[in-house]
Amino acid sequence: MRDYELMVVFHPDLDESAVADLLTRINGWITEDGGEIVKTDVWGKRTLAYPIHKQNYGQYVLLHTRMAPTLGTKLERNLGYIEPVMRYMIVAKE
């Protein structure tokens, strides 16, 4: 098991309950394969560095996780299928 940070940027028009539902879905993918969520930081709505899909804002969420290295590719594939996810990045922590 390794420590990872997962940053997800959601569409700015989502309300808090929709973001919470998407987070439980992502948390489920991680925990069902033996990973764990260490900490979840909801940063809220922030200005993007550049427009994405004609949007200037996004809702940022940072997840600190502990999971197997092979779970990263499966997680990236699943995140690509969720329409409200504008961007995501998985980074291994040292």
C-alpha atoms as a PDB file:
ATOM      1  CA  MET A   1       0.000   0.000   0.000  1.00  0.00           C
ATOM      2  CA  ARG A   2       1.245   3.460  -0.910  1.00  0.00           C
ATOM      3  CA  ASP A   3       0.053   6.941  -0.030  1.00  0.00           C
ATOM      4  CA  TYR A   4      -1.557   8.960  -2.824  1.00  0.00           C
ATOM      5  CA  GLU A   5      -3.244  12.309  -3.256  1.00  0.00           C
ATOM      6  CA  LEU A   6      -6.217  12.475  -5.590  1.00  0.00           C
ATOM      7  CA  MET A   7      -7.297  15.954  -6.704  1.00  0.00           C
ATOM      8  CA  VAL A   8     -10.671  16.121  -8.434  1.00  0.00           C
ATOM      9  CA  VAL A   9     -12.247  19.199 -10.027  1.00  0.00           C
ATOM     10  CA  PHE A  10     -16.023  18.948 -10.376  1.00  0.00           C
ATOM     11  CA  HIS A  11     -18.353  21.065 -12.505  1.00  0.00           C
ATOM     12  CA  PRO A  12     -19.123  24.364 -10.705  1.00  0.00           C
ATOM     13  CA  ASP A  13     -22.918  24.066 -11.027  1.00  0.00           C
ATOM     14  CA  LEU A  14     -23.169  20.982  -8.780  1.00  0.00           C
ATOM     15  CA  ASP A  15     -24.739  21.474  -5.376  1.00  0.00           C
ATOM     16  CA  GLU A  16     -23.269  20.077  -2.164  1.00  0.00           C
ATOM     17  CA  SER A  17     -25.403  16.927  -2.177  1.00  0.00           C
ATOM     18  CA  ALA A  18     -24.345  16.044  -5.740  1.00  0.00           C
ATOM     19  CA  VAL A  19     -20.675  16.510  -4.837  1.00  0.00           C
ATOM     20  CA  ALA A  20     -21.186  14.355  -1.718  1.00  0.00           C
ATOM     21  CA  ASP A  21     -22.803  11.616  -3.836  1.00  0.00           C
ATOM     22  CA  LEU A  22     -19.894  11.640  -6.282  1.00  0.00           C
ATOM     23  CA  LEU A  23     -17.404  11.496  -3.390  1.00  0.00           C
ATOM     24  CA  THR A  24     -19.142   8.454  -1.887  1.00  0.00           C
ATOM     25  CA  ARG A  25     -18.969   6.814  -5.311  1.00  0.00           C
ATOM     26  CA  ILE A  26     -15.228   7.524  -5.593  1.00  0.00           C
ATOM     27  CA  ASN A  27     -14.655   6.415  -1.985  1.00  0.00           C
ATOM     28  CA  GLY A  28     -16.493   3.178  -2.771  1.00  0.00           C
ATOM     29  CA  TRP A  29     -14.194   2.427  -5.698  1.00  0.00           C
ATOM     30  CA  ILE A  30     -11.145   2.918  -3.499  1.00  0.00           C
ATOM     31  CA  THR A  31     -12.369   0.963  -0.462  1.00  0.00           C
ATOM     32  CA  GLU A  32     -13.844  -1.991  -2.370  1.00  0.00           C
ATOM     33  CA  ASP A  33     -10.377  -2.835  -3.731  1.00  0.00           C
ATOM     34  CA  GLY A  34      -8.697  -2.709  -0.332  1.00  0.00           C
ATOM     35  CA  GLY A  35      -7.714   0.953  -0.242  1.00  0.00           C
ATOM     36  CA  GLU A  36      -8.617   3.477   2.414  1.00  0.00           C
ATOM     37  CA  ILE A  37      -9.422   7.163   2.572  1.00  0.00           C
ATOM     38  CA  VAL A  38      -7.145   8.886   5.076  1.00  0.00           C
ATOM     39  CA  LYS A  39      -8.513  12.425   4.741  1.00  0.00           C
ATOM     40  CA  THR A  40     -10.907  14.391   2.535  1.00  0.00           C
ATOM     41  CA  ASP A  41     -10.453  18.139   2.013  1.00  0.00           C
ATOM     42  CA  VAL A  42     -13.290  19.929   0.228  1.00  0.00           C
ATOM     43  CA  TRP A  43     -11.813  23.192  -1.020  1.00  0.00           C
ATOM     44  CA  GLY A  44     -15.045  24.431  -2.572  1.00  0.00           C
ATOM     45  CA  LYS A  45     -15.562  26.585  -5.631  1.00  0.00           C
ATOM     46  CA  ARG A  46     -12.396  28.239  -6.961  1.00  0.00           C
ATOM     47  CA  THR A  47     -11.233  29.985 -10.096  1.00  0.00           C
ATOM     48  CA  LEU A  48      -9.551  27.747 -12.656  1.00  0.00           C
ATOM     49  CA  ALA A  49      -6.154  28.657 -14.097  1.00  0.00           C
ATOM     50  CA  TYR A  50      -7.647  28.388 -17.587  1.00  0.00           C
ATOM     51  CA  PRO A  51     -11.183  27.754 -18.900  1.00  0.00           C
ATOM     52  CA  ILE A  52     -12.253  24.114 -19.167  1.00  0.00           C
ATOM     53  CA  HIS A  53     -15.383  23.369 -21.228  1.00  0.00           C
ATOM     54  CA  LYS A  54     -16.157  27.124 -21.204  1.00  0.00           C
ATOM     55  CA  GLN A  55     -16.149  27.162 -17.382  1.00  0.00           C
ATOM     56  CA  ASN A  56     -13.999  29.546 -15.359  1.00  0.00           C
ATOM     57  CA  TYR A  57     -14.728  27.941 -11.966  1.00  0.00           C
ATOM     58  CA  GLY A  58     -14.584  24.450 -10.520  1.00  0.00           C
ATOM     59  CA  GLN A  59     -15.243  22.694  -7.233  1.00  0.00           C
ATOM     60  CA  TYR A  60     -12.018  21.258  -5.864  1.00  0.00           C
ATOM     61  CA  VAL A  61     -11.734  18.179  -3.630  1.00  0.00           C
ATOM     62  CA  LEU A  62      -8.452  16.693  -2.365  1.00  0.00           C
ATOM     63  CA  LEU A  63      -8.453  13.068  -1.170  1.00  0.00           C
ATOM     64  CA  HIS A  64      -5.529  11.614   0.782  1.00  0.00           C
ATOM     65  CA  THR A  65      -5.654   7.863   0.184  1.00  0.00           C
ATOM     66  CA  ARG A  66      -3.707   4.696   0.857  1.00  0.00           C
ATOM     67  CA  MET A  67      -4.103   2.117  -1.904  1.00  0.00           C
ATOM     68  CA  ALA A  68      -2.321  -0.419  -4.070  1.00  0.00           C
ATOM     69  CA  PRO A  69      -0.430   0.977  -7.085  1.00  0.00           C
ATOM     70  CA  THR A  70      -2.561  -1.040  -9.521  1.00  0.00           C
ATOM     71  CA  LEU A  71      -5.734   0.677  -8.332  1.00  0.00           C
ATOM     72  CA  GLY A  72      -4.590   3.987  -9.878  1.00  0.00           C
ATOM     73  CA  THR A  73      -5.276   2.916 -13.463  1.00  0.00           C
ATOM     74  CA  LYS A  74      -8.709   1.536 -12.587  1.00  0.00           C
ATOM     75  CA  LEU A  75      -9.547   4.716 -10.701  1.00  0.00           C
ATOM     76  CA  GLU A  76      -8.443   6.918 -13.629  1.00  0.00           C
ATOM     77  CA  ARG A  77     -10.599   4.908 -16.018  1.00  0.00           C
ATOM     78  CA  ASN A  78     -13.658   5.207 -13.762  1.00  0.00           C
ATOM     79  CA  LEU A  79     -13.163   8.941 -13.193  1.00  0.00           C
ATOM     80  CA  GLY A  80     -13.042   9.472 -16.949  1.00  0.00           C
ATOM     81  CA  TYR A  81     -16.589   8.106 -17.252  1.00  0.00           C
ATOM     82  CA  ILE A  82     -18.135  10.571 -14.784  1.00  0.00           C
ATOM     83  CA  GLU A  83     -19.398  13.583 -16.713  1.00  0.00           C
ATOM     84  CA  PRO A  84     -19.259  16.225 -13.903  1.00  0.00           C
ATOM     85  CA  VAL A  85     -15.536  15.503 -13.342  1.00  0.00           C
ATOM     86  CA  MET A  86     -13.686  18.196 -15.264  1.00  0.00           C
ATOM     87  CA  ARG A  87     -10.130  17.189 -14.281  1.00  0.00           C
ATOM     88  CA  TYR A  88      -8.379  14.797 -11.898  1.00  0.00           C
ATOM     89  CA  MET A  89      -4.834  13.971 -10.903  1.00  0.00           C
ATOM     90  CA  ILE A  90      -3.388  11.135  -8.846  1.00  0.00           C
ATOM     91  CA  VAL A  91       0.014  11.822  -7.274  1.00  0.00           C
ATOM     92  CA  ALA A  92       2.125   9.392  -5.206  1.00  0.00           C
ATOM     93  CA  LYS A  93       3.338  10.902  -1.937  1.00  0.00           C
ATOM     94  CA  GLU A  94       6.841  10.212  -0.635  1.00  0.00           C
END
